Amino acid sequence: MESLARTYRIETERLVIRCYEPGDAPKLHEAITRSLDHLRPWLPWVQQEPKPPEARAGLVRLFRGQFDLGLDYAFGIFDNTEKELIGSTGLHTRIGKNAREIGYWIGIDHIGNGYATEAVSALVKTGFDIERVSRIEIRCAPENTRSQHVPEKLGFKMENIVKRILYENTVETMIWSMTKKDYASSFIRHMQIKAFDLTGTLLVP
């Protein structure tokens, strides 16, 4: 198990990025349901959609349980009033010790506003400055040009394209990476964010 995350909430200029809470289930259901056609080509879990509203409560409970236990770190992306869920992201633990993979999706009603870039920038800064990881990856399909633009803009290096079997089909995945050394000279270091722990205490890098 990885060490427990310090960061439960991140505030940027336009967004609140935080761990999921039980009351988020209806917002998550609405965002996913409205975005199914938009998300289906790129996210494997959307192949099992649509699901009923009560399934979201279980999903939110799973996200929060994994977060608190240090197993994985999923975050909701909200507007700065937290009335609307814009999308979802995470500092995922699936690529090995002291490293994180950032995944993200933005709901159909909010694409084209730079929210993915803003959220990912905040997670990169959090990952390196507060969580003290050594490496961050972003993975996406070569055909998903909208998703590719995020690591390109942020200075990630396109490291490799790997093939894997998904639902009996061979698919390609691009691996973009940023190391702690890369981050030291990145403009993301100068991004203004506020990060808070479980108790709401402001975290200082």
Protein backbone atom coordinates (compact mmCIF):
# COMPACT_ATOMS: atom_id res chain seq x y z
CA MET A 1 0.00 0.00 0.00
CA GLU A 2 1.20 3.51 -0.81
CA SER A 3 1.55 6.09 1.95
CA LEU A 4 -1.69 7.89 2.73
CA ALA A 5 -2.38 11.00 0.68
CA ARG A 6 -2.13 14.31 2.47
CA THR A 7 -4.28 16.24 -0.01
CA TYR A 8 -8.07 15.97 0.10
CA ARG A 9 -9.00 19.27 -1.52
CA ILE A 10 -7.39 21.59 -4.07
CA GLU A 11 -8.62 25.04 -5.06
CA THR A 12 -7.57 26.72 -8.31
CA GLU A 13 -8.68 29.94 -9.97
CA ARG A 14 -11.91 28.39 -11.28
CA LEU A 15 -12.18 24.92 -9.78
CA VAL A 16 -12.49 22.88 -6.63
CA ILE A 17 -10.85 19.46 -7.01
CA ARG A 18 -11.59 17.23 -4.05
CA CYS A 19 -12.20 13.69 -2.90
CA TYR A 20 -15.73 12.45 -3.35
CA GLU A 21 -18.38 12.71 -0.62
CA PRO A 22 -21.72 10.84 -0.35
CA GLY A 23 -23.73 13.89 -1.45
CA ASP A 24 -21.87 13.97 -4.78
CA ALA A 25 -23.62 10.85 -6.14
CA PRO A 26 -26.50 12.70 -7.90
CA LYS A 27 -24.11 15.19 -9.50
CA LEU A 28 -21.86 12.36 -10.68
CA HIS A 29 -24.82 10.48 -12.12
CA GLU A 30 -26.04 13.51 -14.04
CA ALA A 31 -22.59 14.32 -15.44
CA ILE A 32 -21.95 10.75 -16.60
CA THR A 33 -25.43 10.23 -18.03
CA ARG A 34 -25.33 13.44 -20.06
CA SER A 35 -21.86 12.61 -21.38
CA LEU A 36 -22.14 8.93 -22.35
CA ASP A 37 -21.84 9.40 -26.11
CA HIS A 38 -18.98 11.83 -25.58
CA LEU A 39 -17.05 9.48 -23.26
CA ARG A 40 -17.85 6.06 -24.73
CA PRO A 41 -15.07 5.96 -27.38
CA TRP A 42 -12.32 6.63 -24.84
CA LEU A 43 -13.15 5.18 -21.42
CA PRO A 44 -13.52 1.40 -21.01
CA TRP A 45 -15.84 1.64 -17.99
CA VAL A 46 -18.42 3.52 -20.07
CA GLN A 47 -19.06 0.28 -21.99
CA GLN A 48 -21.04 -0.90 -18.94
CA GLU A 49 -23.24 2.22 -18.97
CA PRO A 50 -25.94 3.33 -18.52
CA LYS A 51 -26.36 2.50 -14.86
CA PRO A 52 -29.12 3.51 -12.42
CA PRO A 53 -28.70 6.46 -10.01
CA GLU A 54 -28.27 4.16 -7.01
CA ALA A 55 -25.13 2.70 -8.61
CA ARG A 56 -23.45 6.09 -8.23
CA ALA A 57 -23.82 5.98 -4.46
CA GLY A 58 -21.86 2.73 -4.43
CA LEU A 59 -19.24 4.20 -6.74
CA VAL A 60 -18.79 7.30 -4.58
CA ARG A 61 -18.52 5.06 -1.51
CA LEU A 62 -15.84 3.01 -3.29
CA PHE A 63 -13.90 6.13 -4.31
CA ARG A 64 -13.93 7.51 -0.78
CA GLY A 65 -13.06 4.18 0.82
CA GLN A 66 -10.08 3.70 -1.47
CA PHE A 67 -8.98 7.29 -0.81
CA ASP A 68 -9.11 6.97 2.97
CA LEU A 69 -7.30 3.61 2.89
CA GLY A 70 -4.53 4.87 0.62
CA LEU A 71 -5.41 2.50 -2.23
CA ASP A 72 -6.25 5.04 -4.94
CA TYR A 73 -7.07 8.73 -5.18
CA ALA A 74 -10.07 9.79 -7.26
CA PHE A 75 -11.15 13.45 -7.23
CA GLY A 76 -14.27 15.19 -8.48
CA ILE A 77 -13.79 18.38 -10.48
CA PHE A 78 -16.33 21.02 -9.41
CA ASP A 79 -17.01 24.63 -10.23
CA ASN A 80 -15.85 26.95 -7.46
CA THR A 81 -19.30 26.98 -5.84
CA GLU A 82 -19.32 23.14 -5.80
CA LYS A 83 -22.87 23.16 -7.16
CA GLU A 84 -21.94 21.38 -10.37
CA LEU A 85 -19.63 18.47 -11.11
CA ILE A 86 -17.60 19.33 -14.20
CA GLY A 87 -15.72 16.06 -14.49
CA SER A 88 -13.50 13.61 -12.68
CA THR A 89 -9.78 13.03 -12.28
CA GLY A 90 -7.35 11.26 -10.02
CA LEU A 91 -3.82 10.63 -8.84
CA HIS A 92 -3.99 6.91 -9.50
CA THR A 93 -1.59 4.46 -7.89
CA ARG A 94 -1.66 1.82 -10.65
CA ILE A 95 1.78 2.52 -12.20
CA GLY A 96 3.99 1.65 -9.24
CA LYS A 97 5.52 2.97 -6.07
CA ASN A 98 6.14 6.72 -5.71
CA ALA A 99 4.46 7.39 -9.06
CA ARG A 100 0.98 8.44 -10.12
CA GLU A 101 -1.10 8.28 -13.26
CA ILE A 102 -3.45 11.20 -13.84
CA GLY A 103 -6.67 10.24 -15.57
CA TYR A 104 -9.41 12.73 -16.39
CA TRP A 105 -12.69 13.31 -18.15
CA ILE A 106 -14.77 16.44 -18.59
CA GLY A 107 -18.55 16.38 -18.99
CA ILE A 108 -20.02 17.24 -22.37
CA ASP A 109 -21.44 20.55 -21.09
CA HIS A 110 -18.00 21.83 -20.11
CA ILE A 111 -15.58 20.80 -22.85
CA GLY A 112 -13.53 23.46 -24.59
CA ASN A 113 -13.06 25.65 -21.51
CA GLY A 114 -9.61 24.49 -20.45
CA TYR A 115 -10.87 22.74 -17.33
CA ALA A 116 -8.91 19.53 -17.97
CA THR A 117 -5.67 21.47 -18.37
CA GLU A 118 -6.36 23.46 -15.19
CA ALA A 119 -7.25 20.39 -13.15
CA VAL A 120 -4.31 18.32 -14.39
CA SER A 121 -1.90 21.21 -13.75
CA ALA A 122 -3.15 21.40 -10.17
CA LEU A 123 -2.71 17.65 -9.68
CA VAL A 124 0.80 17.75 -11.14
CA LYS A 125 1.78 20.51 -8.71
CA THR A 126 0.13 18.66 -5.84
CA GLY A 127 1.74 15.36 -6.79
CA PHE A 128 5.28 16.72 -6.90
CA ASP A 129 5.18 19.47 -4.26
CA ILE A 130 2.92 17.97 -1.61
CA GLU A 131 2.67 14.21 -2.18
CA ARG A 132 6.37 14.06 -3.13
CA VAL A 133 6.06 11.57 -5.98
CA SER A 134 8.93 11.07 -8.41
CA ARG A 135 7.01 10.49 -11.63
CA ILE A 136 3.61 11.28 -13.12
CA GLU A 137 2.11 9.71 -16.24
CA ILE A 138 -0.86 10.49 -18.47
CA ARG A 139 -2.17 7.79 -20.80
CA CYS A 140 -4.53 8.26 -23.73
CA ALA A 141 -5.46 6.81 -27.10
CA PRO A 142 -3.60 8.23 -30.12
CA GLU A 143 -6.99 9.02 -31.68
CA ASN A 144 -8.08 11.09 -28.69
CA THR A 145 -6.55 14.36 -29.83
CA ARG A 146 -8.47 16.46 -27.29
CA SER A 147 -6.99 14.45 -24.42
CA GLN A 148 -3.51 14.51 -25.98
CA HIS A 149 -3.47 18.29 -26.00
CA VAL A 150 -3.36 18.35 -22.19
CA PRO A 151 0.04 16.64 -21.68
CA GLU A 152 1.39 18.40 -24.77
CA LYS A 153 0.53 21.83 -23.36
CA LEU A 154 1.91 20.96 -19.95
CA GLY A 155 5.32 19.80 -21.12
CA PHE A 156 4.96 16.05 -20.66
CA LYS A 157 7.18 13.85 -22.84
CA MET A 158 5.56 11.30 -25.14
CA GLU A 159 7.53 8.29 -23.98
CA ASN A 160 5.99 5.29 -25.69
CA ILE A 161 2.98 3.78 -27.44
CA VAL A 162 1.97 0.38 -26.09
CA LYS A 163 -0.53 -2.15 -27.39
CA ARG A 164 -2.99 -4.01 -25.20
CA ILE A 165 -6.06 -6.17 -25.54
CA LEU A 166 -9.33 -4.49 -24.60
CA TYR A 167 -12.64 -6.30 -25.08
CA GLU A 168 -10.95 -8.69 -27.54
CA ASN A 169 -9.59 -5.79 -29.60
CA THR A 170 -5.98 -4.62 -29.82
CA VAL A 171 -5.75 -0.94 -28.89
CA GLU A 172 -2.85 1.50 -28.66
CA THR A 173 -2.14 3.73 -25.67
CA MET A 174 0.21 6.69 -25.58
CA ILE A 175 2.29 7.08 -22.41
CA TRP A 176 3.20 10.67 -21.53
CA SER A 177 5.52 11.26 -18.57
CA MET A 178 6.93 13.97 -16.35
CA THR A 179 9.64 13.29 -13.78
CA LYS A 180 10.52 15.30 -10.70
CA LYS A 181 13.53 16.63 -12.62
CA ASP A 182 11.30 17.72 -15.52
CA TYR A 183 8.95 19.42 -13.07
CA ALA A 184 11.78 21.47 -11.57
CA SER A 185 11.91 23.53 -14.77
CA SER A 186 8.17 23.44 -15.53
CA PHE A 187 5.92 26.52 -15.56
CA ILE A 188 3.41 24.47 -13.54
CA ARG A 189 5.59 25.06 -10.45
CA HIS A 190 4.41 28.67 -10.44
CA MET A 191 0.68 27.87 -10.58
CA GLN A 192 -1.28 29.31 -7.65
CA ILE A 193 -3.28 26.67 -5.80
CA LYS A 194 -4.49 26.02 -2.27
CA ALA A 195 -4.36 22.45 -0.99
CA PHE A 196 -5.99 21.16 2.18
CA ASP A 197 -5.79 17.97 4.21
CA LEU A 198 -8.62 15.87 5.67
CA THR A 199 -9.18 18.34 8.51
CA GLY A 200 -9.27 21.38 6.21
CA THR A 201 -5.79 22.53 7.24
CA LEU A 202 -3.92 24.40 4.52
CA LEU A 203 -0.97 22.40 3.24
CA VAL A 204 2.28 24.21 2.51
CA PRO A 205 4.65 22.56 -0.02
